[in-house]
Amino acid sequence: MPLSRPQFPDHEGGIVRFAILLIVLLGAGCAEAPPQLIYVPSDMLPSIDQPSQKQTRFAGQTVVVPPVTGVGASNLEALTGALALPGHSAIWSQTFHEALIEGLRKAVLFSDVSPDGASNFILHADILQQESAGYGATITVRYTLYDTQKARDIWTQDIAATYSFTLNPATFLAPGNTQSLALMRACGKNIGILIERLEALPAGAA
């Protein structure tokens, strides 16, 4: 019988690649990395079985997701998190930005999702909190949706998501069960909740 695929095959390797990338960027004095160099772990993406077939109020509309702000916006915070130091896990805002764009595209809520350019809507994300403790983590993000046609914000909400590993003997024996991985999965849940909230907005919303 063939062995089952490991649950976290790229987690630790991804952290190493990410740390090396940040060290190179810091050494070169770069504030941002090209999107194609950003490593987005699958754990940071929401679980979406298939695109929604419902006609949401955003059908045929486009959205731009500008750079994410808040906790994790600095390279130093991200490097500390990438090294998985206990109590110092942090997701880089650029990584969250790419995960957010990829998650929205996968959900097919909008006809197009891009990091810049002209669009019907602009979705701002400000990370208010990244907190790790024990075998769990929480991330809170303030999302604001701006309607470019109405020239005003039409929706804003703080979304908190938590992920914790079940405390049992397997938890302590699995090297992949780290605060960093818990935070990544909390990010995936956070983006998933955002998508659900946007899908639920009625057509006549302000």
N, C-alpha and C. Protein backbone atom coordinates (compact mmCIF):
# COMPACT_ATOMS: atom_id res chain seq x y z
N MET A 1 0.85 -1.19 0.00
CA MET A 1 0.00 0.00 0.00
C MET A 1 0.89 1.25 0.00
N PRO A 2 0.63 2.20 -0.90
CA PRO A 2 1.47 3.40 -0.96
C PRO A 2 1.28 4.25 0.28
N LEU A 3 2.34 4.91 0.69
CA LEU A 3 2.28 5.78 1.85
C LEU A 3 1.45 7.02 1.53
N SER A 4 0.70 7.48 2.51
CA SER A 4 -0.11 8.69 2.31
C SER A 4 0.81 9.89 2.24
N ARG A 5 0.37 10.92 1.57
CA ARG A 5 1.16 12.14 1.41
C ARG A 5 1.23 12.88 2.73
N PRO A 6 2.42 13.33 3.16
CA PRO A 6 2.54 14.07 4.41
C PRO A 6 1.63 15.28 4.41
N GLN A 7 1.12 15.63 5.58
CA GLN A 7 0.16 16.72 5.67
C GLN A 7 0.79 18.08 5.42
N PHE A 8 2.06 18.25 5.85
CA PHE A 8 2.72 19.55 5.70
C PHE A 8 4.03 19.40 4.92
N PRO A 9 3.98 18.98 3.65
CA PRO A 9 5.22 18.70 2.92
C PRO A 9 6.07 19.92 2.65
N ASP A 10 5.47 21.09 2.54
CA ASP A 10 6.26 22.25 2.14
C ASP A 10 6.34 23.31 3.23
N HIS A 11 5.83 23.02 4.40
CA HIS A 11 5.75 24.06 5.43
C HIS A 11 7.12 24.55 5.88
N GLU A 12 7.96 23.63 6.35
CA GLU A 12 9.25 24.06 6.87
C GLU A 12 10.16 24.55 5.75
N GLY A 13 10.11 23.91 4.58
CA GLY A 13 10.91 24.37 3.46
C GLY A 13 10.49 25.76 3.02
N GLY A 14 9.17 26.03 3.07
CA GLY A 14 8.67 27.35 2.71
C GLY A 14 9.16 28.42 3.66
N ILE A 15 9.18 28.10 4.96
CA ILE A 15 9.67 29.06 5.94
C ILE A 15 11.13 29.40 5.68
N VAL A 16 11.95 28.38 5.37
CA VAL A 16 13.37 28.61 5.09
C VAL A 16 13.53 29.50 3.86
N ARG A 17 12.78 29.18 2.79
CA ARG A 17 12.88 30.00 1.56
C ARG A 17 12.44 31.43 1.84
N PHE A 18 11.38 31.57 2.63
CA PHE A 18 10.86 32.89 2.96
C PHE A 18 11.87 33.70 3.77
N ALA A 19 12.51 33.05 4.76
CA ALA A 19 13.51 33.73 5.59
C ALA A 19 14.69 34.19 4.74
N ILE A 20 15.14 33.32 3.82
CA ILE A 20 16.26 33.67 2.94
C ILE A 20 15.89 34.86 2.06
N LEU A 21 14.66 34.84 1.52
CA LEU A 21 14.19 35.94 0.68
C LEU A 21 14.22 37.25 1.45
N LEU A 22 13.72 37.24 2.69
CA LEU A 22 13.68 38.47 3.48
C LEU A 22 15.08 38.98 3.81
N ILE A 23 15.99 38.05 4.13
CA ILE A 23 17.36 38.45 4.42
C ILE A 23 18.00 39.13 3.21
N VAL A 24 17.74 38.57 2.03
CA VAL A 24 18.26 39.15 0.79
C VAL A 24 17.67 40.54 0.56
N LEU A 25 16.34 40.67 0.79
CA LEU A 25 15.68 41.95 0.58
C LEU A 25 16.20 43.01 1.55
N LEU A 26 16.36 42.60 2.81
CA LEU A 26 16.87 43.55 3.80
C LEU A 26 18.29 43.99 3.45
N GLY A 27 19.10 43.03 2.97
CA GLY A 27 20.47 43.36 2.60
C GLY A 27 20.53 44.29 1.41
N ALA A 28 19.55 44.16 0.52
CA ALA A 28 19.53 45.00 -0.67
C ALA A 28 18.80 46.32 -0.43
N GLY A 29 18.23 46.47 0.76
CA GLY A 29 17.52 47.71 1.08
C GLY A 29 16.17 47.81 0.41
N CYS A 30 15.57 46.67 0.07
CA CYS A 30 14.27 46.68 -0.61
C CYS A 30 13.13 46.68 0.41
N ALA A 31 12.09 47.46 0.14
CA ALA A 31 10.94 47.51 1.03
C ALA A 31 9.91 46.45 0.66
N GLU A 32 9.88 46.09 -0.63
CA GLU A 32 8.89 45.12 -1.09
C GLU A 32 9.55 44.12 -2.04
N ALA A 33 8.92 42.96 -2.13
CA ALA A 33 9.40 41.92 -3.04
C ALA A 33 8.44 41.80 -4.21
N PRO A 34 8.93 41.43 -5.40
CA PRO A 34 8.04 41.22 -6.53
C PRO A 34 7.03 40.13 -6.18
N PRO A 35 5.76 40.28 -6.59
CA PRO A 35 4.73 39.29 -6.25
C PRO A 35 5.11 37.87 -6.61
N GLN A 36 5.83 37.67 -7.73
CA GLN A 36 6.18 36.32 -8.16
C GLN A 36 7.17 35.64 -7.21
N LEU A 37 7.80 36.42 -6.34
CA LEU A 37 8.74 35.84 -5.39
C LEU A 37 8.10 35.57 -4.03
N ILE A 38 6.86 35.98 -3.84
CA ILE A 38 6.18 35.78 -2.56
C ILE A 38 5.68 34.34 -2.46
N TYR A 39 6.10 33.67 -1.41
CA TYR A 39 5.67 32.29 -1.16
C TYR A 39 4.40 32.31 -0.32
N VAL A 40 3.31 31.78 -0.87
CA VAL A 40 2.03 31.70 -0.17
C VAL A 40 1.72 30.24 0.16
N PRO A 41 1.88 29.83 1.42
CA PRO A 41 1.59 28.44 1.79
C PRO A 41 0.11 28.12 1.57
N SER A 42 -0.18 26.91 1.19
CA SER A 42 -1.57 26.50 0.96
C SER A 42 -2.42 26.65 2.22
N ASP A 43 -1.78 26.57 3.41
CA ASP A 43 -2.52 26.71 4.66
C ASP A 43 -3.09 28.11 4.83
N MET A 44 -2.54 29.10 4.12
CA MET A 44 -3.03 30.47 4.25
C MET A 44 -4.22 30.75 3.34
N LEU A 45 -4.60 29.78 2.52
CA LEU A 45 -5.71 29.98 1.59
C LEU A 45 -6.99 29.37 2.14
N PRO A 46 -8.13 30.02 1.93
CA PRO A 46 -9.39 29.50 2.45
C PRO A 46 -9.81 28.22 1.72
N SER A 47 -10.58 27.40 2.39
CA SER A 47 -11.09 26.17 1.79
C SER A 47 -12.34 26.50 0.98
N ILE A 48 -12.22 26.44 -0.34
CA ILE A 48 -13.35 26.72 -1.23
C ILE A 48 -13.47 25.53 -2.16
N ASP A 49 -14.52 24.73 -1.99
CA ASP A 49 -14.68 23.52 -2.79
C ASP A 49 -14.86 23.84 -4.27
N GLN A 50 -15.71 24.80 -4.54
CA GLN A 50 -15.94 25.20 -5.93
C GLN A 50 -16.49 26.62 -5.93
N PRO A 51 -16.28 27.35 -7.02
CA PRO A 51 -16.80 28.72 -7.08
C PRO A 51 -18.30 28.75 -6.88
N SER A 52 -18.78 29.79 -6.20
CA SER A 52 -20.21 29.95 -5.99
C SER A 52 -20.93 30.16 -7.31
N GLN A 53 -22.06 29.48 -7.44
CA GLN A 53 -22.86 29.63 -8.66
C GLN A 53 -23.92 30.72 -8.49
N LYS A 54 -24.00 31.29 -7.29
CA LYS A 54 -25.00 32.32 -7.03
C LYS A 54 -24.60 33.63 -7.68
N GLN A 55 -25.59 34.41 -8.04
CA GLN A 55 -25.33 35.73 -8.58
C GLN A 55 -25.24 36.71 -7.42
N THR A 56 -24.04 37.08 -7.04
CA THR A 56 -23.86 38.03 -5.96
C THR A 56 -23.94 39.45 -6.51
N ARG A 57 -23.99 40.41 -5.62
CA ARG A 57 -24.08 41.81 -6.06
C ARG A 57 -22.82 42.25 -6.79
N PHE A 58 -21.74 41.45 -6.71
CA PHE A 58 -20.48 41.82 -7.34
C PHE A 58 -20.25 41.14 -8.68
N ALA A 59 -21.26 40.40 -9.16
CA ALA A 59 -21.12 39.72 -10.45
C ALA A 59 -20.82 40.75 -11.54
N GLY A 60 -19.77 40.50 -12.31
CA GLY A 60 -19.40 41.41 -13.39
C GLY A 60 -18.64 42.64 -12.93
N GLN A 61 -18.36 42.74 -11.62
CA GLN A 61 -17.66 43.88 -11.08
C GLN A 61 -16.19 43.52 -10.81
N THR A 62 -15.34 44.52 -10.79
CA THR A 62 -13.91 44.30 -10.54
C THR A 62 -13.52 44.90 -9.19
N VAL A 63 -12.44 44.37 -8.62
CA VAL A 63 -11.96 44.88 -7.34
C VAL A 63 -10.44 44.94 -7.34
N VAL A 64 -9.91 45.96 -6.72
CA VAL A 64 -8.46 46.11 -6.53
C VAL A 64 -8.17 45.93 -5.05
N VAL A 65 -7.11 45.19 -4.74
CA VAL A 65 -6.68 44.99 -3.36
C VAL A 65 -5.31 45.65 -3.21
N PRO A 66 -5.25 46.85 -2.64
CA PRO A 66 -3.96 47.54 -2.48
C PRO A 66 -3.12 46.87 -1.39
N PRO A 67 -1.86 47.29 -1.21
CA PRO A 67 -1.00 46.70 -0.18
C PRO A 67 -1.67 46.64 1.19
N VAL A 68 -1.48 45.54 1.88
CA VAL A 68 -2.05 45.35 3.21
C VAL A 68 -1.21 46.12 4.24
N THR A 69 -1.88 46.74 5.19
CA THR A 69 -1.20 47.52 6.22
C THR A 69 -1.36 46.85 7.59
N GLY A 70 -0.73 47.44 8.60
CA GLY A 70 -0.91 46.96 9.96
C GLY A 70 0.20 46.05 10.45
N VAL A 71 -0.13 45.20 11.42
CA VAL A 71 0.83 44.30 12.03
C VAL A 71 1.39 43.34 10.98
N GLY A 72 2.71 43.28 10.88
CA GLY A 72 3.34 42.43 9.87
C GLY A 72 3.73 43.20 8.62
N ALA A 73 3.53 44.52 8.66
CA ALA A 73 3.84 45.33 7.48
C ALA A 73 5.33 45.56 7.31
N SER A 74 6.12 45.32 8.36
CA SER A 74 7.56 45.56 8.25
C SER A 74 8.31 44.26 7.99
N ASN A 75 9.44 44.37 7.30
CA ASN A 75 10.27 43.20 7.02
C ASN A 75 10.79 42.56 8.30
N LEU A 76 11.08 43.38 9.31
CA LEU A 76 11.62 42.86 10.56
C LEU A 76 10.61 41.97 11.26
N GLU A 77 9.33 42.41 11.29
CA GLU A 77 8.28 41.59 11.89
C GLU A 77 8.15 40.27 11.15
N ALA A 78 8.19 40.36 9.82
CA ALA A 78 8.02 39.16 9.00
C ALA A 78 9.18 38.19 9.18
N LEU A 79 10.39 38.72 9.26
CA LEU A 79 11.56 37.86 9.43
C LEU A 79 11.50 37.13 10.77
N THR A 80 11.09 37.84 11.82
CA THR A 80 10.94 37.23 13.14
C THR A 80 9.92 36.09 13.07
N GLY A 81 8.80 36.34 12.35
CA GLY A 81 7.78 35.32 12.22
C GLY A 81 8.24 34.14 11.39
N ALA A 82 9.00 34.42 10.33
CA ALA A 82 9.48 33.36 9.44
C ALA A 82 10.44 32.43 10.16
N LEU A 83 11.18 32.96 11.11
CA LEU A 83 12.11 32.14 11.87
C LEU A 83 11.41 31.33 12.95
N ALA A 84 10.07 31.52 13.07
CA ALA A 84 9.24 30.75 13.99
C ALA A 84 9.73 30.82 15.43
N LEU A 85 10.15 32.00 15.88
CA LEU A 85 10.55 32.16 17.27
C LEU A 85 9.30 32.10 18.15
N PRO A 86 9.32 31.32 19.23
CA PRO A 86 8.14 31.18 20.09
C PRO A 86 7.60 32.54 20.54
N GLY A 87 6.30 32.71 20.36
CA GLY A 87 5.66 33.95 20.79
C GLY A 87 5.87 35.11 19.85
N HIS A 88 6.57 34.89 18.72
CA HIS A 88 6.87 35.99 17.79
C HIS A 88 6.43 35.68 16.36
N SER A 89 5.50 34.75 16.20
CA SER A 89 5.04 34.43 14.85
C SER A 89 4.34 35.64 14.23
N ALA A 90 4.63 35.90 12.98
CA ALA A 90 3.99 37.01 12.28
C ALA A 90 3.95 36.72 10.79
N ILE A 91 2.80 36.96 10.18
CA ILE A 91 2.66 36.81 8.74
C ILE A 91 3.02 38.13 8.08
N TRP A 92 3.88 38.11 7.10
CA TRP A 92 4.26 39.31 6.36
C TRP A 92 3.04 39.85 5.64
N SER A 93 2.85 41.15 5.67
CA SER A 93 1.68 41.75 5.03
C SER A 93 1.66 41.47 3.53
N GLN A 94 2.83 41.37 2.90
CA GLN A 94 2.87 41.06 1.47
C GLN A 94 2.39 39.63 1.20
N THR A 95 2.72 38.72 2.11
CA THR A 95 2.25 37.35 1.96
C THR A 95 0.73 37.29 2.13
N PHE A 96 0.22 38.00 3.14
CA PHE A 96 -1.23 38.04 3.34
C PHE A 96 -1.92 38.68 2.14
N HIS A 97 -1.30 39.71 1.58
CA HIS A 97 -1.85 40.39 0.40
C HIS A 97 -2.03 39.42 -0.77
N GLU A 98 -0.99 38.64 -1.04
CA GLU A 98 -1.07 37.68 -2.14
C GLU A 98 -2.10 36.59 -1.85
N ALA A 99 -2.17 36.13 -0.58
CA ALA A 99 -3.15 35.11 -0.21
C ALA A 99 -4.57 35.66 -0.36
N LEU A 100 -4.77 36.91 0.00
CA LEU A 100 -6.08 37.55 -0.11
C LEU A 100 -6.52 37.64 -1.57
N ILE A 101 -5.61 38.06 -2.44
CA ILE A 101 -5.93 38.15 -3.86
C ILE A 101 -6.25 36.77 -4.43
N GLU A 102 -5.41 35.78 -4.08
CA GLU A 102 -5.62 34.42 -4.60
C GLU A 102 -6.94 33.84 -4.10
N GLY A 103 -7.26 34.07 -2.83
CA GLY A 103 -8.50 33.56 -2.27
C GLY A 103 -9.72 34.17 -2.94
N LEU A 104 -9.69 35.48 -3.18
CA LEU A 104 -10.81 36.16 -3.84
C LEU A 104 -10.97 35.69 -5.29
N ARG A 105 -9.86 35.47 -5.96
CA ARG A 105 -9.94 34.96 -7.33
C ARG A 105 -10.54 33.56 -7.36
N LYS A 106 -10.15 32.74 -6.40
CA LYS A 106 -10.65 31.37 -6.33
C LYS A 106 -12.14 31.35 -6.06
N ALA A 107 -12.63 32.31 -5.28
CA ALA A 107 -14.05 32.37 -4.94
C ALA A 107 -14.90 32.88 -6.09
N VAL A 108 -14.28 33.54 -7.07
CA VAL A 108 -14.98 34.10 -8.24
C VAL A 108 -16.14 34.98 -7.81
N LEU A 109 -15.91 35.78 -6.78
CA LEU A 109 -16.92 36.72 -6.32
C LEU A 109 -17.01 37.90 -7.28
N PHE A 110 -15.84 38.32 -7.75
CA PHE A 110 -15.74 39.43 -8.69
C PHE A 110 -15.26 38.90 -10.03
N SER A 111 -15.50 39.67 -11.08
CA SER A 111 -15.06 39.24 -12.41
C SER A 111 -13.54 39.32 -12.54
N ASP A 112 -12.92 40.20 -11.74
CA ASP A 112 -11.46 40.32 -11.78
C ASP A 112 -10.97 40.88 -10.44
N VAL A 113 -9.84 40.33 -9.98
CA VAL A 113 -9.22 40.79 -8.74
C VAL A 113 -7.77 41.12 -9.07
N SER A 114 -7.33 42.33 -8.78
CA SER A 114 -5.97 42.73 -9.12
C SER A 114 -5.38 43.60 -8.02
N PRO A 115 -4.05 43.75 -7.99
CA PRO A 115 -3.40 44.56 -6.96
C PRO A 115 -3.39 46.06 -7.24
N ASP A 116 -3.71 46.44 -8.47
CA ASP A 116 -3.74 47.86 -8.80
C ASP A 116 -4.56 48.07 -10.07
N GLY A 117 -4.69 49.34 -10.46
CA GLY A 117 -5.43 49.67 -11.67
C GLY A 117 -6.82 50.20 -11.36
N ALA A 118 -7.59 50.46 -12.42
CA ALA A 118 -8.95 50.95 -12.29
C ALA A 118 -9.89 49.79 -11.93
N SER A 119 -10.91 50.08 -11.11
CA SER A 119 -11.84 49.01 -10.72
C SER A 119 -13.13 49.62 -10.18
N ASN A 120 -14.14 48.76 -10.02
CA ASN A 120 -15.41 49.19 -9.44
C ASN A 120 -15.31 49.35 -7.93
N PHE A 121 -14.46 48.50 -7.32
CA PHE A 121 -14.32 48.52 -5.86
C PHE A 121 -12.85 48.44 -5.47
N ILE A 122 -12.57 48.92 -4.26
CA ILE A 122 -11.23 48.79 -3.67
C ILE A 122 -11.42 48.16 -2.29
N LEU A 123 -10.73 47.05 -2.05
CA LEU A 123 -10.82 46.37 -0.77
C LEU A 123 -9.55 46.60 0.03
N HIS A 124 -9.66 47.35 1.12
CA HIS A 124 -8.52 47.62 1.99
C HIS A 124 -8.49 46.60 3.12
N ALA A 125 -7.30 46.15 3.48
CA ALA A 125 -7.13 45.22 4.60
C ALA A 125 -6.06 45.76 5.53
N ASP A 126 -6.42 45.90 6.80
CA ASP A 126 -5.49 46.41 7.82
C ASP A 126 -5.42 45.36 8.93
N ILE A 127 -4.26 44.74 9.10
CA ILE A 127 -4.11 43.70 10.11
C ILE A 127 -3.99 44.35 11.48
N LEU A 128 -4.99 44.14 12.33
CA LEU A 128 -5.03 44.75 13.65
C LEU A 128 -4.29 43.92 14.69
N GLN A 129 -4.26 42.59 14.50
CA GLN A 129 -3.68 41.73 15.53
C GLN A 129 -3.16 40.43 14.92
N GLN A 130 -2.00 40.00 15.36
CA GLN A 130 -1.48 38.66 15.11
C GLN A 130 -0.96 38.17 16.44
N GLU A 131 -1.59 37.15 16.99
CA GLU A 131 -1.23 36.69 18.33
C GLU A 131 -1.14 35.17 18.37
N SER A 132 -0.06 34.67 18.93
CA SER A 132 0.14 33.22 19.05
C SER A 132 0.35 32.86 20.52
N ALA A 133 -0.21 31.72 20.91
CA ALA A 133 -0.04 31.24 22.27
C ALA A 133 -0.23 29.74 22.28
N GLY A 134 0.70 29.04 22.90
CA GLY A 134 0.59 27.58 22.95
C GLY A 134 0.59 26.99 21.56
N TYR A 135 -0.47 26.23 21.25
CA TYR A 135 -0.60 25.62 19.92
C TYR A 135 -1.73 26.28 19.12
N GLY A 136 -1.93 27.56 19.36
CA GLY A 136 -2.98 28.27 18.66
C GLY A 136 -2.56 29.68 18.26
N ALA A 137 -3.37 30.31 17.42
CA ALA A 137 -3.06 31.67 16.97
C ALA A 137 -4.34 32.37 16.53
N THR A 138 -4.32 33.69 16.61
CA THR A 138 -5.46 34.51 16.22
C THR A 138 -4.98 35.65 15.34
N ILE A 139 -5.75 35.95 14.31
CA ILE A 139 -5.46 37.13 13.48
C ILE A 139 -6.75 37.91 13.29
N THR A 140 -6.66 39.22 13.47
CA THR A 140 -7.80 40.11 13.31
C THR A 140 -7.49 41.12 12.23
N VAL A 141 -8.39 41.25 11.29
CA VAL A 141 -8.17 42.15 10.15
C VAL A 141 -9.38 43.06 9.97
N ARG A 142 -9.12 44.33 9.76
CA ARG A 142 -10.21 45.27 9.44
C ARG A 142 -10.28 45.42 7.93
N TYR A 143 -11.40 45.04 7.38
CA TYR A 143 -11.63 45.15 5.93
C TYR A 143 -12.57 46.32 5.66
N THR A 144 -12.24 47.07 4.62
CA THR A 144 -13.09 48.18 4.20
C THR A 144 -13.26 48.12 2.69
N LEU A 145 -14.51 48.11 2.25
CA LEU A 145 -14.81 48.06 0.82
C LEU A 145 -15.24 49.44 0.34
N TYR A 146 -14.49 49.96 -0.60
CA TYR A 146 -14.73 51.30 -1.14
C TYR A 146 -15.33 51.18 -2.53
N ASP A 147 -16.45 51.87 -2.75
CA ASP A 147 -17.13 51.89 -4.05
C ASP A 147 -16.61 53.09 -4.83
N THR A 148 -15.89 52.85 -5.92
CA THR A 148 -15.30 53.96 -6.68
C THR A 148 -16.35 54.77 -7.42
N GLN A 149 -17.51 54.16 -7.70
CA GLN A 149 -18.57 54.89 -8.41
C GLN A 149 -19.32 55.83 -7.47
N LYS A 150 -19.50 55.38 -6.21
CA LYS A 150 -20.17 56.21 -5.22
C LYS A 150 -19.19 57.10 -4.46
N ALA A 151 -17.89 56.81 -4.64
CA ALA A 151 -16.82 57.58 -3.99
C ALA A 151 -16.94 57.57 -2.47
N ARG A 152 -17.24 56.39 -1.90
CA ARG A 152 -17.32 56.27 -0.45
C ARG A 152 -17.24 54.81 -0.04
N ASP A 153 -16.91 54.60 1.25
CA ASP A 153 -16.90 53.26 1.81
C ASP A 153 -18.33 52.76 1.92
N ILE A 154 -18.57 51.52 1.51
CA ILE A 154 -19.92 50.97 1.61
C ILE A 154 -20.01 49.82 2.63
N TRP A 155 -18.85 49.36 3.11
CA TRP A 155 -18.87 48.25 4.08
C TRP A 155 -17.53 48.19 4.79
N THR A 156 -17.57 47.98 6.09
CA THR A 156 -16.34 47.78 6.86
C THR A 156 -16.63 46.84 8.02
N GLN A 157 -15.67 46.00 8.35
CA GLN A 157 -15.88 45.04 9.43
C GLN A 157 -14.53 44.50 9.91
N ASP A 158 -14.44 44.30 11.23
CA ASP A 158 -13.27 43.65 11.81
C ASP A 158 -13.56 42.16 11.90
N ILE A 159 -12.70 41.36 11.29
CA ILE A 159 -12.90 39.90 11.29
C ILE A 159 -11.75 39.25 12.05
N ALA A 160 -12.09 38.47 13.06
CA ALA A 160 -11.10 37.73 13.85
C ALA A 160 -11.27 36.24 13.57
N ALA A 161 -10.16 35.55 13.39
CA ALA A 161 -10.20 34.11 13.16
C ALA A 161 -9.11 33.45 14.00
N THR A 162 -9.45 32.31 14.58
CA THR A 162 -8.52 31.59 15.45
C THR A 162 -8.38 30.15 14.98
N TYR A 163 -7.16 29.64 15.05
CA TYR A 163 -6.93 28.21 14.78
C TYR A 163 -6.09 27.64 15.91
N SER A 164 -6.51 26.48 16.43
CA SER A 164 -5.76 25.83 17.50
C SER A 164 -5.66 24.33 17.21
N PHE A 165 -4.49 23.76 17.45
CA PHE A 165 -4.33 22.32 17.33
C PHE A 165 -4.93 21.66 18.57
N THR A 166 -5.59 20.52 18.37
CA THR A 166 -6.15 19.78 19.48
C THR A 166 -5.04 19.29 20.39
N LEU A 167 -5.20 19.50 21.67
CA LEU A 167 -4.17 19.07 22.62
C LEU A 167 -4.29 17.58 22.91
N ASN A 168 -3.39 16.83 22.34
CA ASN A 168 -3.30 15.39 22.58
C ASN A 168 -1.85 14.98 22.34
N PRO A 169 -1.47 13.74 22.65
CA PRO A 169 -0.07 13.32 22.46
C PRO A 169 0.47 13.57 21.06
N ALA A 170 -0.39 13.43 20.02
CA ALA A 170 0.06 13.63 18.65
C ALA A 170 0.48 15.08 18.41
N THR A 171 -0.16 16.01 19.11
CA THR A 171 0.19 17.42 18.95
C THR A 171 1.64 17.67 19.31
N PHE A 172 2.09 17.08 20.38
CA PHE A 172 3.45 17.31 20.85
C PHE A 172 4.49 16.55 20.03
N LEU A 173 4.05 15.47 19.36
CA LEU A 173 4.99 14.66 18.60
C LEU A 173 5.14 15.14 17.16
N ALA A 174 4.20 15.96 16.68
CA ALA A 174 4.23 16.42 15.29
C ALA A 174 5.04 17.72 15.20
N PRO A 175 6.22 17.70 14.58
CA PRO A 175 7.05 18.90 14.50
C PRO A 175 6.43 20.03 13.69
N GLY A 176 5.46 19.70 12.81
CA GLY A 176 4.85 20.74 11.99
C GLY A 176 3.80 21.53 12.72
N ASN A 177 3.37 21.06 13.90
CA ASN A 177 2.33 21.75 14.65
C ASN A 177 2.93 22.93 15.43
N THR A 178 3.22 24.00 14.75
CA THR A 178 3.87 25.15 15.35
C THR A 178 2.92 26.34 15.41
N GLN A 179 3.30 27.36 16.18
CA GLN A 179 2.52 28.59 16.23
C GLN A 179 2.43 29.22 14.85
N SER A 180 3.52 29.12 14.09
CA SER A 180 3.55 29.70 12.75
C SER A 180 2.49 29.06 11.86
N LEU A 181 2.39 27.73 11.91
CA LEU A 181 1.40 27.03 11.09
C LEU A 181 -0.01 27.35 11.56
N ALA A 182 -0.21 27.45 12.88
CA ALA A 182 -1.52 27.81 13.41
C ALA A 182 -1.93 29.20 12.90
N LEU A 183 -0.97 30.13 12.84
CA LEU A 183 -1.27 31.48 12.36
C LEU A 183 -1.61 31.47 10.88
N MET A 184 -0.90 30.64 10.10
CA MET A 184 -1.22 30.53 8.68
C MET A 184 -2.65 30.04 8.49
N ARG A 185 -3.04 29.04 9.26
CA ARG A 185 -4.39 28.49 9.12
C ARG A 185 -5.44 29.47 9.62
N ALA A 186 -5.09 30.28 10.62
CA ALA A 186 -6.01 31.32 11.07
C ALA A 186 -6.20 32.35 9.95
N CYS A 187 -5.14 32.63 9.20
CA CYS A 187 -5.24 33.55 8.05
C CYS A 187 -6.20 32.99 7.01
N GLY A 188 -6.06 31.69 6.71
CA GLY A 188 -6.95 31.06 5.74
C GLY A 188 -8.40 31.15 6.17
N LYS A 189 -8.66 30.93 7.47
CA LYS A 189 -10.02 31.03 8.00
C LYS A 189 -10.52 32.47 7.90
N ASN A 190 -9.64 33.43 8.18
CA ASN A 190 -10.02 34.83 8.15
C ASN A 190 -10.47 35.24 6.75
N ILE A 191 -9.68 34.86 5.76
CA ILE A 191 -10.03 35.19 4.36
C ILE A 191 -11.32 34.48 3.96
N GLY A 192 -11.49 33.25 4.44
CA GLY A 192 -12.72 32.51 4.14
C GLY A 192 -13.94 33.19 4.72
N ILE A 193 -13.83 33.71 5.95
CA ILE A 193 -14.95 34.43 6.57
C ILE A 193 -15.26 35.70 5.79
N LEU A 194 -14.20 36.40 5.36
CA LEU A 194 -14.39 37.61 4.55
C LEU A 194 -15.21 37.30 3.31
N ILE A 195 -14.84 36.24 2.61
CA ILE A 195 -15.55 35.87 1.38
C ILE A 195 -17.02 35.57 1.67
N GLU A 196 -17.29 34.85 2.77
CA GLU A 196 -18.67 34.54 3.15
C GLU A 196 -19.46 35.82 3.43
N ARG A 197 -18.83 36.78 4.12
CA ARG A 197 -19.51 38.02 4.46
C ARG A 197 -19.81 38.86 3.20
N LEU A 198 -18.85 38.88 2.27
CA LEU A 198 -19.08 39.61 1.03
C LEU A 198 -20.17 38.96 0.18
N GLU A 199 -20.18 37.61 0.16
CA GLU A 199 -21.21 36.90 -0.58
C GLU A 199 -22.61 37.19 -0.02
N ALA A 200 -22.69 37.41 1.29
CA ALA A 200 -23.98 37.62 1.95
C ALA A 200 -24.50 39.03 1.85
N LEU A 201 -23.66 39.97 1.35
CA LEU A 201 -24.13 41.35 1.23
C LEU A 201 -25.27 41.43 0.22
N PRO A 202 -26.40 42.01 0.61
CA PRO A 202 -27.55 42.13 -0.31
C PRO A 202 -27.28 43.13 -1.43
N ALA A 203 -27.97 42.97 -2.53
CA ALA A 203 -27.77 43.84 -3.68
C ALA A 203 -28.03 45.30 -3.35
N GLY A 204 -28.91 45.54 -2.38
CA GLY A 204 -29.26 46.92 -2.04
C GLY A 204 -28.45 47.47 -0.90
N ALA A 205 -27.33 46.82 -0.56
CA ALA A 205 -26.51 47.30 0.54
C ALA A 205 -26.01 48.70 0.26
N ALA A 206 -25.77 49.47 1.31
CA ALA A 206 -25.38 50.89 1.15
C ALA A 206 -24.18 51.05 0.25
